[in-house]
Amino acid sequence: MTDFFNRLDKYMSYSGLNDNKLTIEVNISNGLIGKARKRGALSQDNISKILHCYDDLDANWLFTGEGQMLKQQNYNLKEAKDVYQLKSDRLVDEQFIPLYNLEASAGLVELFQNHNDLKPIDTIHIPNLPKCDGAVFITGDSMYPLLKSGDIVAYKQITDFENDIFWGEMYLISIEIAGEEYISVKYIQKSEKGDQYIKLVSKNEHHQSKDVKINKVRAMALIKASIRINSMG
């Protein structure tokens, strides 16, 4: 199975993954990949979980080395203001994004910790989006006119707040303030107060920027796309 792990390593290098990130995103035991390398074997169940999580990875290539590493995709992404794409993003030609009720989940932390047990209120199917973990309705006007209350944002969760932030990008973020959870969508920039702080910046010019300590951040997700429903009635 040496060739299998060589191909898996090639895909991980391409995708900016390491063993730790892979186990977190796939939701498998910490250290399992390293142990599997030593044994030279990985269970079919865990391979299936990897292929389900990284649905651009071609299973035939992973097992046999034949064909291409990535599934055939259409990379001609239609120009749209509601898709926020990074250079490192891998577009997924078909995915079903679960849409959650943020209020029913008792907050962003609860949603991220128990998303496998929560029943989504619907699913969103949009081709050629970056990989997303879920979607929620937003409230408030801090990002108006880019986003307004009632819009849907699709997100990709991050767990390493100190190392995985793309400065200047837009995030769904949960912060502890006076013992309570404050949830908002903000641009995140480096703070002049130092590395232990981040600066939350609004699109709405009537909202002031705010520096907060990283250790007050309870949950964070990179915004990948937004959806606005316009109705005439």
C-alpha atoms as a PDB file:
ATOM      1  CA  MET A   1       0.000   0.000   0.000  1.00  0.00           C
ATOM      2  CA  THR A   2       3.068   2.227  -0.213  1.00  0.00           C
ATOM      3  CA  ASP A   3       2.000   3.683  -3.553  1.00  0.00           C
ATOM      4  CA  PHE A   4      -1.408   4.486  -2.067  1.00  0.00           C
ATOM      5  CA  PHE A   5       0.151   6.618   0.666  1.00  0.00           C
ATOM      6  CA  ASN A   6       2.513   8.244  -1.836  1.00  0.00           C
ATOM      7  CA  ARG A   7      -0.502   9.311  -3.891  1.00  0.00           C
ATOM      8  CA  LEU A   8      -2.373  10.436  -0.774  1.00  0.00           C
ATOM      9  CA  ASP A   9       0.658  12.523   0.219  1.00  0.00           C
ATOM     10  CA  LYS A  10       0.720  14.075  -3.243  1.00  0.00           C
ATOM     11  CA  TYR A  11      -2.913  15.091  -2.934  1.00  0.00           C
ATOM     12  CA  MET A  12      -2.367  16.420   0.585  1.00  0.00           C
ATOM     13  CA  SER A  13       0.588  18.498  -0.600  1.00  0.00           C
ATOM     14  CA  TYR A  14      -1.512  19.889  -3.456  1.00  0.00           C
ATOM     15  CA  SER A  15      -4.377  20.723  -1.074  1.00  0.00           C
ATOM     16  CA  GLY A  16      -2.237  22.275   1.662  1.00  0.00           C
ATOM     17  CA  LEU A  17      -3.070  19.486   4.125  1.00  0.00           C
ATOM     18  CA  ASN A  18      -1.070  17.756   6.799  1.00  0.00           C
ATOM     19  CA  ASP A  19      -1.973  14.683   8.846  1.00  0.00           C
ATOM     20  CA  ASN A  20      -3.499  16.758  11.646  1.00  0.00           C
ATOM     21  CA  LYS A  21      -5.700  18.883   9.364  1.00  0.00           C
ATOM     22  CA  LEU A  22      -6.840  15.825   7.459  1.00  0.00           C
ATOM     23  CA  THR A  23      -7.917  13.969  10.601  1.00  0.00           C
ATOM     24  CA  ILE A  24      -9.847  17.041  11.819  1.00  0.00           C
ATOM     25  CA  GLU A  25     -11.628  17.657   8.518  1.00  0.00           C
ATOM     26  CA  VAL A  26     -12.385  13.971   7.889  1.00  0.00           C
ATOM     27  CA  ASN A  27     -13.372  13.477  11.555  1.00  0.00           C
ATOM     28  CA  ILE A  28     -11.181  10.437  12.192  1.00  0.00           C
ATOM     29  CA  SER A  29      -8.959   9.608  15.163  1.00  0.00           C
ATOM     30  CA  ASN A  30      -5.974  11.861  15.798  1.00  0.00           C
ATOM     31  CA  GLY A  31      -2.748  10.131  14.745  1.00  0.00           C
ATOM     32  CA  LEU A  32      -4.564   7.519  12.692  1.00  0.00           C
ATOM     33  CA  ILE A  33      -2.882   8.473   9.401  1.00  0.00           C
ATOM     34  CA  GLY A  34       0.603   8.267  10.914  1.00  0.00           C
ATOM     35  CA  LYS A  35      -0.147   4.854  12.407  1.00  0.00           C
ATOM     36  CA  ALA A  36      -1.595   3.668   9.081  1.00  0.00           C
ATOM     37  CA  ARG A  37       1.604   4.696   7.279  1.00  0.00           C
ATOM     38  CA  LYS A  38       3.666   2.576   9.674  1.00  0.00           C
ATOM     39  CA  ARG A  39       1.329  -0.398   9.261  1.00  0.00           C
ATOM     40  CA  GLY A  40       1.107   0.155   5.526  1.00  0.00           C
ATOM     41  CA  ALA A  41      -2.681  -0.169   5.643  1.00  0.00           C
ATOM     42  CA  LEU A  42      -5.754   2.043   6.005  1.00  0.00           C
ATOM     43  CA  SER A  43      -9.248   0.639   6.504  1.00  0.00           C
ATOM     44  CA  GLN A  44     -11.813   0.868   3.718  1.00  0.00           C
ATOM     45  CA  ASP A  45     -14.128   2.776   6.044  1.00  0.00           C
ATOM     46  CA  ASN A  46     -11.552   5.508   6.640  1.00  0.00           C
ATOM     47  CA  ILE A  47     -10.656   5.655   2.950  1.00  0.00           C
ATOM     48  CA  SER A  48     -14.349   6.168   2.199  1.00  0.00           C
ATOM     49  CA  LYS A  49     -14.474   9.010   4.732  1.00  0.00           C
ATOM     50  CA  ILE A  50     -11.490  10.683   3.040  1.00  0.00           C
ATOM     51  CA  LEU A  51     -13.053  10.382  -0.414  1.00  0.00           C
ATOM     52  CA  HIS A  52     -16.370  11.718   0.910  1.00  0.00           C
ATOM     53  CA  CYS A  53     -14.689  14.724   2.525  1.00  0.00           C
ATOM     54  CA  TYR A  54     -12.430  15.544  -0.436  1.00  0.00           C
ATOM     55  CA  ASP A  55     -14.840  14.949  -3.265  1.00  0.00           C
ATOM     56  CA  ASP A  56     -12.500  16.339  -5.924  1.00  0.00           C
ATOM     57  CA  LEU A  57     -10.070  13.444  -5.287  1.00  0.00           C
ATOM     58  CA  ASP A  58     -10.418  10.706  -7.889  1.00  0.00           C
ATOM     59  CA  ALA A  59     -10.832   7.311  -6.175  1.00  0.00           C
ATOM     60  CA  ASN A  60      -9.502   5.294  -9.120  1.00  0.00           C
ATOM     61  CA  TRP A  61      -6.305   7.367  -9.195  1.00  0.00           C
ATOM     62  CA  LEU A  62      -5.887   7.050  -5.419  1.00  0.00           C
ATOM     63  CA  PHE A  63      -6.164   3.239  -5.539  1.00  0.00           C
ATOM     64  CA  THR A  64      -4.448   2.459  -8.850  1.00  0.00           C
ATOM     65  CA  GLY A  65      -2.524   5.545  -9.956  1.00  0.00           C
ATOM     66  CA  GLU A  66      -4.379   5.507 -13.269  1.00  0.00           C
ATOM     67  CA  GLY A  67      -6.024   8.619 -14.678  1.00  0.00           C
ATOM     68  CA  GLN A  68      -5.862  12.046 -13.058  1.00  0.00           C
ATOM     69  CA  MET A  69      -5.574  12.991  -9.390  1.00  0.00           C
ATOM     70  CA  LEU A  70      -8.575  15.327  -9.571  1.00  0.00           C
ATOM     71  CA  LYS A  71     -11.993  14.569 -10.935  1.00  0.00           C
ATOM     72  CA  GLN A  72     -12.838  16.335 -14.163  1.00  0.00           C
ATOM     73  CA  GLN A  73     -14.237  19.728 -13.265  1.00  0.00           C
ATOM     74  CA  ASN A  74     -15.360  22.883 -15.006  1.00  0.00           C
ATOM     75  CA  TYR A  75     -12.965  25.613 -13.869  1.00  0.00           C
ATOM     76  CA  ASN A  76     -14.702  28.373 -15.831  1.00  0.00           C
ATOM     77  CA  LEU A  77     -16.317  29.877 -12.759  1.00  0.00           C
ATOM     78  CA  LYS A  78     -19.053  32.338 -13.695  1.00  0.00           C
ATOM     79  CA  GLU A  79     -18.125  35.827 -12.561  1.00  0.00           C
ATOM     80  CA  ALA A  80     -20.287  36.646  -9.543  1.00  0.00           C
ATOM     81  CA  LYS A  81     -19.945  38.961  -6.570  1.00  0.00           C
ATOM     82  CA  ASP A  82     -21.348  36.364  -4.196  1.00  0.00           C
ATOM     83  CA  VAL A  83     -18.454  33.891  -4.574  1.00  0.00           C
ATOM     84  CA  TYR A  84     -15.322  34.672  -2.562  1.00  0.00           C
ATOM     85  CA  GLN A  85     -12.586  32.507  -4.034  1.00  0.00           C
ATOM     86  CA  LEU A  86      -8.988  32.167  -2.858  1.00  0.00           C
ATOM     87  CA  LYS A  87      -6.179  31.130  -5.186  1.00  0.00           C
ATOM     88  CA  SER A  88      -5.833  27.922  -3.161  1.00  0.00           C
ATOM     89  CA  ASP A  89      -9.526  27.005  -3.476  1.00  0.00           C
ATOM     90  CA  ARG A  90     -10.447  23.791  -5.233  1.00  0.00           C
ATOM     91  CA  LEU A  91     -13.756  24.158  -7.035  1.00  0.00           C
ATOM     92  CA  VAL A  92     -16.253  21.365  -6.548  1.00  0.00           C
ATOM     93  CA  ASP A  93     -18.467  20.690  -9.536  1.00  0.00           C
ATOM     94  CA  GLU A  94     -21.247  19.222  -7.394  1.00  0.00           C
ATOM     95  CA  GLN A  95     -21.859  19.429  -3.661  1.00  0.00           C
ATOM     96  CA  PHE A  96     -24.880  19.634  -1.394  1.00  0.00           C
ATOM     97  CA  ILE A  97     -24.322  22.217   1.337  1.00  0.00           C
ATOM     98  CA  PRO A  98     -26.423  21.769   4.507  1.00  0.00           C
ATOM     99  CA  LEU A  99     -28.337  24.899   5.524  1.00  0.00           C
ATOM    100  CA  TYR A 100     -28.638  25.194   9.316  1.00  0.00           C
ATOM    101  CA  ASN A 101     -30.844  27.232  11.607  1.00  0.00           C
ATOM    102  CA  LEU A 102     -28.239  29.083  13.673  1.00  0.00           C
ATOM    103  CA  GLU A 103     -30.740  30.100  16.354  1.00  0.00           C
ATOM    104  CA  ALA A 104     -32.063  26.554  16.764  1.00  0.00           C
ATOM    105  CA  SER A 105     -28.509  25.233  17.220  1.00  0.00           C
ATOM    106  CA  ALA A 106     -27.962  27.524  20.241  1.00  0.00           C
ATOM    107  CA  GLY A 107     -25.019  29.333  18.679  1.00  0.00           C
ATOM    108  CA  LEU A 108     -22.083  28.914  16.339  1.00  0.00           C
ATOM    109  CA  VAL A 109     -19.953  26.885  18.759  1.00  0.00           C
ATOM    110  CA  GLU A 110     -22.760  24.388  19.288  1.00  0.00           C
ATOM    111  CA  LEU A 111     -23.350  24.198  15.533  1.00  0.00           C
ATOM    112  CA  PHE A 112     -19.698  23.455  14.741  1.00  0.00           C
ATOM    113  CA  GLN A 113     -19.329  20.919  17.547  1.00  0.00           C
ATOM    114  CA  ASN A 114     -22.516  18.990  16.818  1.00  0.00           C
ATOM    115  CA  HIS A 115     -23.175  19.546  13.108  1.00  0.00           C
ATOM    116  CA  ASN A 116     -23.155  15.783  12.477  1.00  0.00           C
ATOM    117  CA  ASP A 117     -26.070  15.389  14.894  1.00  0.00           C
ATOM    118  CA  LEU A 118     -28.053  18.432  13.756  1.00  0.00           C
ATOM    119  CA  LYS A 119     -30.680  18.123  11.063  1.00  0.00           C
ATOM    120  CA  PRO A 120     -30.321  20.858   8.417  1.00  0.00           C
ATOM    121  CA  ILE A 121     -33.441  22.767   7.461  1.00  0.00           C
ATOM    122  CA  ASP A 122     -32.528  22.375   3.780  1.00  0.00           C
ATOM    123  CA  THR A 123     -29.621  21.812   1.401  1.00  0.00           C
ATOM    124  CA  ILE A 124     -28.093  24.158  -1.165  1.00  0.00           C
ATOM    125  CA  HIS A 125     -26.831  22.866  -4.495  1.00  0.00           C
ATOM    126  CA  ILE A 126     -24.671  25.288  -6.482  1.00  0.00           C
ATOM    127  CA  PRO A 127     -22.060  23.915  -8.920  1.00  0.00           C
ATOM    128  CA  ASN A 128     -18.458  25.115  -9.025  1.00  0.00           C
ATOM    129  CA  LEU A 129     -18.189  26.507  -5.520  1.00  0.00           C
ATOM    130  CA  PRO A 130     -15.197  26.049  -3.237  1.00  0.00           C
ATOM    131  CA  LYS A 131     -15.582  23.292  -0.652  1.00  0.00           C
ATOM    132  CA  CYS A 132     -18.052  24.369   2.063  1.00  0.00           C
ATOM    133  CA  ASP A 133     -18.979  22.829   5.423  1.00  0.00           C
ATOM    134  CA  GLY A 134     -22.400  24.430   5.748  1.00  0.00           C
ATOM    135  CA  ALA A 135     -24.524  27.543   5.369  1.00  0.00           C
ATOM    136  CA  VAL A 136     -26.548  29.802   7.686  1.00  0.00           C
ATOM    137  CA  PHE A 137     -28.802  32.846   7.509  1.00  0.00           C
ATOM    138  CA  ILE A 138     -27.196  36.027   8.833  1.00  0.00           C
ATOM    139  CA  THR A 139     -28.665  38.896  10.819  1.00  0.00           C
ATOM    140  CA  GLY A 140     -27.523  42.473  11.292  1.00  0.00           C
ATOM    141  CA  ASP A 141     -26.219  45.142   8.933  1.00  0.00           C
ATOM    142  CA  SER A 142     -22.494  45.306   9.738  1.00  0.00           C
ATOM    143  CA  MET A 143     -21.564  44.127   6.207  1.00  0.00           C
ATOM    144  CA  TYR A 144     -24.227  46.156   4.362  1.00  0.00           C
ATOM    145  CA  PRO A 145     -24.480  46.685   1.376  1.00  0.00           C
ATOM    146  CA  LEU A 146     -22.346  43.625   0.578  1.00  0.00           C
ATOM    147  CA  LEU A 147     -24.529  41.486   2.842  1.00  0.00           C
ATOM    148  CA  LYS A 148     -27.846  42.250   4.458  1.00  0.00           C
ATOM    149  CA  SER A 149     -29.933  40.593   7.128  1.00  0.00           C
ATOM    150  CA  GLY A 150     -31.609  37.462   5.741  1.00  0.00           C
ATOM    151  CA  ASP A 151     -28.832  36.619   3.281  1.00  0.00           C
ATOM    152  CA  ILE A 152     -27.329  33.137   3.349  1.00  0.00           C
ATOM    153  CA  VAL A 153     -23.580  32.618   3.699  1.00  0.00           C
ATOM    154  CA  ALA A 154     -21.760  29.359   2.953  1.00  0.00           C
ATOM    155  CA  TYR A 155     -18.688  28.760   5.076  1.00  0.00           C
ATOM    156  CA  LYS A 156     -15.592  26.625   5.658  1.00  0.00           C
ATOM    157  CA  GLN A 157     -14.744  26.142   9.323  1.00  0.00           C
ATOM    158  CA  ILE A 158     -11.216  26.779  10.619  1.00  0.00           C
ATOM    159  CA  THR A 159      -9.847  25.622  13.962  1.00  0.00           C
ATOM    160  CA  ASP A 160      -6.317  27.055  14.137  1.00  0.00           C
ATOM    161  CA  PHE A 161      -7.141  30.718  14.733  1.00  0.00           C
ATOM    162  CA  GLU A 162      -3.516  31.837  15.021  1.00  0.00           C
ATOM    163  CA  ASN A 163      -2.202  30.228  11.812  1.00  0.00           C
ATOM    164  CA  ASP A 164      -5.063  29.645   9.358  1.00  0.00           C
ATOM    165  CA  ILE A 165      -6.495  33.158   9.003  1.00  0.00           C
ATOM    166  CA  PHE A 166      -6.335  34.744   5.542  1.00  0.00           C
ATOM    167  CA  TRP A 167      -5.925  38.385   6.522  1.00  0.00           C
ATOM    168  CA  GLY A 168      -8.438  40.722   4.921  1.00  0.00           C
ATOM    169  CA  GLU A 169     -10.951  37.978   4.106  1.00  0.00           C
ATOM    170  CA  MET A 170     -14.507  37.764   5.422  1.00  0.00           C
ATOM    171  CA  TYR A 171     -15.349  35.435   8.309  1.00  0.00           C
ATOM    172  CA  LEU A 172     -18.303  34.188  10.294  1.00  0.00           C
ATOM    173  CA  ILE A 173     -17.034  34.556  13.842  1.00  0.00           C
ATOM    174  CA  SER A 174     -18.159  33.862  17.400  1.00  0.00           C
ATOM    175  CA  ILE A 175     -16.628  35.896  20.233  1.00  0.00           C
ATOM    176  CA  GLU A 176     -17.111  35.688  23.967  1.00  0.00           C
ATOM    177  CA  ILE A 177     -18.165  39.049  25.380  1.00  0.00           C
ATOM    178  CA  ALA A 178     -19.100  39.317  29.073  1.00  0.00           C
ATOM    179  CA  GLY A 179     -19.706  35.590  29.207  1.00  0.00           C
ATOM    180  CA  GLU A 180     -22.072  35.568  26.230  1.00  0.00           C
ATOM    181  CA  GLU A 181     -21.618  34.572  22.596  1.00  0.00           C
ATOM    182  CA  TYR A 182     -21.527  37.365  20.021  1.00  0.00           C
ATOM    183  CA  ILE A 183     -21.871  36.170  16.409  1.00  0.00           C
ATOM    184  CA  SER A 184     -21.141  38.349  13.405  1.00  0.00           C
ATOM    185  CA  VAL A 185     -19.722  38.463   9.888  1.00  0.00           C
ATOM    186  CA  LYS A 186     -16.615  40.656   9.623  1.00  0.00           C
ATOM    187  CA  TYR A 187     -13.445  41.217   7.671  1.00  0.00           C
ATOM    188  CA  ILE A 188     -10.495  40.106   9.796  1.00  0.00           C
ATOM    189  CA  GLN A 189      -7.310  42.142   9.677  1.00  0.00           C
ATOM    190  CA  LYS A 190      -4.096  42.210  11.695  1.00  0.00           C
ATOM    191  CA  SER A 191      -4.319  44.327  14.803  1.00  0.00           C
ATOM    192  CA  GLU A 192      -1.909  47.084  15.734  1.00  0.00           C
ATOM    193  CA  LYS A 193      -2.120  45.804  19.310  1.00  0.00           C
ATOM    194  CA  GLY A 194      -0.008  42.750  18.467  1.00  0.00           C
ATOM    195  CA  ASP A 195      -0.244  39.086  17.540  1.00  0.00           C
ATOM    196  CA  GLN A 196      -2.595  38.224  20.398  1.00  0.00           C
ATOM    197  CA  TYR A 197      -5.290  40.416  18.870  1.00  0.00           C
ATOM    198  CA  ILE A 198      -7.281  40.532  15.631  1.00  0.00           C
ATOM    199  CA  LYS A 199      -9.157  43.477  14.182  1.00  0.00           C
ATOM    200  CA  LEU A 200     -12.815  43.040  13.163  1.00  0.00           C
ATOM    201  CA  VAL A 201     -13.760  45.380  10.330  1.00  0.00           C
ATOM    202  CA  SER A 202     -17.258  46.060   8.988  1.00  0.00           C
ATOM    203  CA  LYS A 203     -18.287  46.948   5.444  1.00  0.00           C
ATOM    204  CA  ASN A 204     -20.902  49.321   6.840  1.00  0.00           C
ATOM    205  CA  GLU A 205     -19.151  52.645   7.407  1.00  0.00           C
ATOM    206  CA  HIS A 206     -21.399  53.347  10.410  1.00  0.00           C
ATOM    207  CA  HIS A 207     -19.849  50.436  12.333  1.00  0.00           C
ATOM    208  CA  GLN A 208     -16.509  51.009  14.041  1.00  0.00           C
ATOM    209  CA  SER A 209     -13.653  48.503  13.826  1.00  0.00           C
ATOM    210  CA  LYS A 210     -12.893  46.541  16.977  1.00  0.00           C
ATOM    211  CA  ASP A 211      -9.737  44.806  18.262  1.00  0.00           C
ATOM    212  CA  VAL A 212     -10.383  41.582  20.173  1.00  0.00           C
ATOM    213  CA  LYS A 213      -8.091  39.036  21.789  1.00  0.00           C
ATOM    214  CA  ILE A 214      -7.707  35.777  19.874  1.00  0.00           C
ATOM    215  CA  ASN A 215      -8.388  33.821  23.063  1.00  0.00           C
ATOM    216  CA  LYS A 216     -11.882  35.350  23.094  1.00  0.00           C
ATOM    217  CA  VAL A 217     -12.680  33.757  19.717  1.00  0.00           C
ATOM    218  CA  ARG A 218     -14.854  30.682  20.240  1.00  0.00           C
ATOM    219  CA  ALA A 219     -15.506  29.688  16.615  1.00  0.00           C
ATOM    220  CA  MET A 220     -14.581  30.943  13.157  1.00  0.00           C
ATOM    221  CA  ALA A 221     -15.353  30.084   9.540  1.00  0.00           C
ATOM    222  CA  LEU A 222     -14.175  31.549   6.251  1.00  0.00           C
ATOM    223  CA  ILE A 223     -17.059  32.842   4.120  1.00  0.00           C
ATOM    224  CA  LYS A 224     -16.977  31.154   0.710  1.00  0.00           C
ATOM    225  CA  ALA A 225     -20.209  32.393  -0.895  1.00  0.00           C
ATOM    226  CA  SER A 226     -23.377  34.353  -0.210  1.00  0.00           C
ATOM    227  CA  ILE A 227     -26.913  34.049  -1.504  1.00  0.00           C
ATOM    228  CA  ARG A 228     -29.515  36.825  -1.574  1.00  0.00           C
ATOM    229  CA  ILE A 229     -33.175  36.104  -2.197  1.00  0.00           C
ATOM    230  CA  ASN A 230     -34.991  39.012  -3.843  1.00  0.00           C
ATOM    231  CA  SER A 231     -38.777  38.956  -3.848  1.00  0.00           C
ATOM    232  CA  MET A 232     -41.256  41.205  -5.606  1.00  0.00           C
ATOM    233  CA  GLY A 233     -44.033  40.287  -3.197  1.00  0.00           C
END
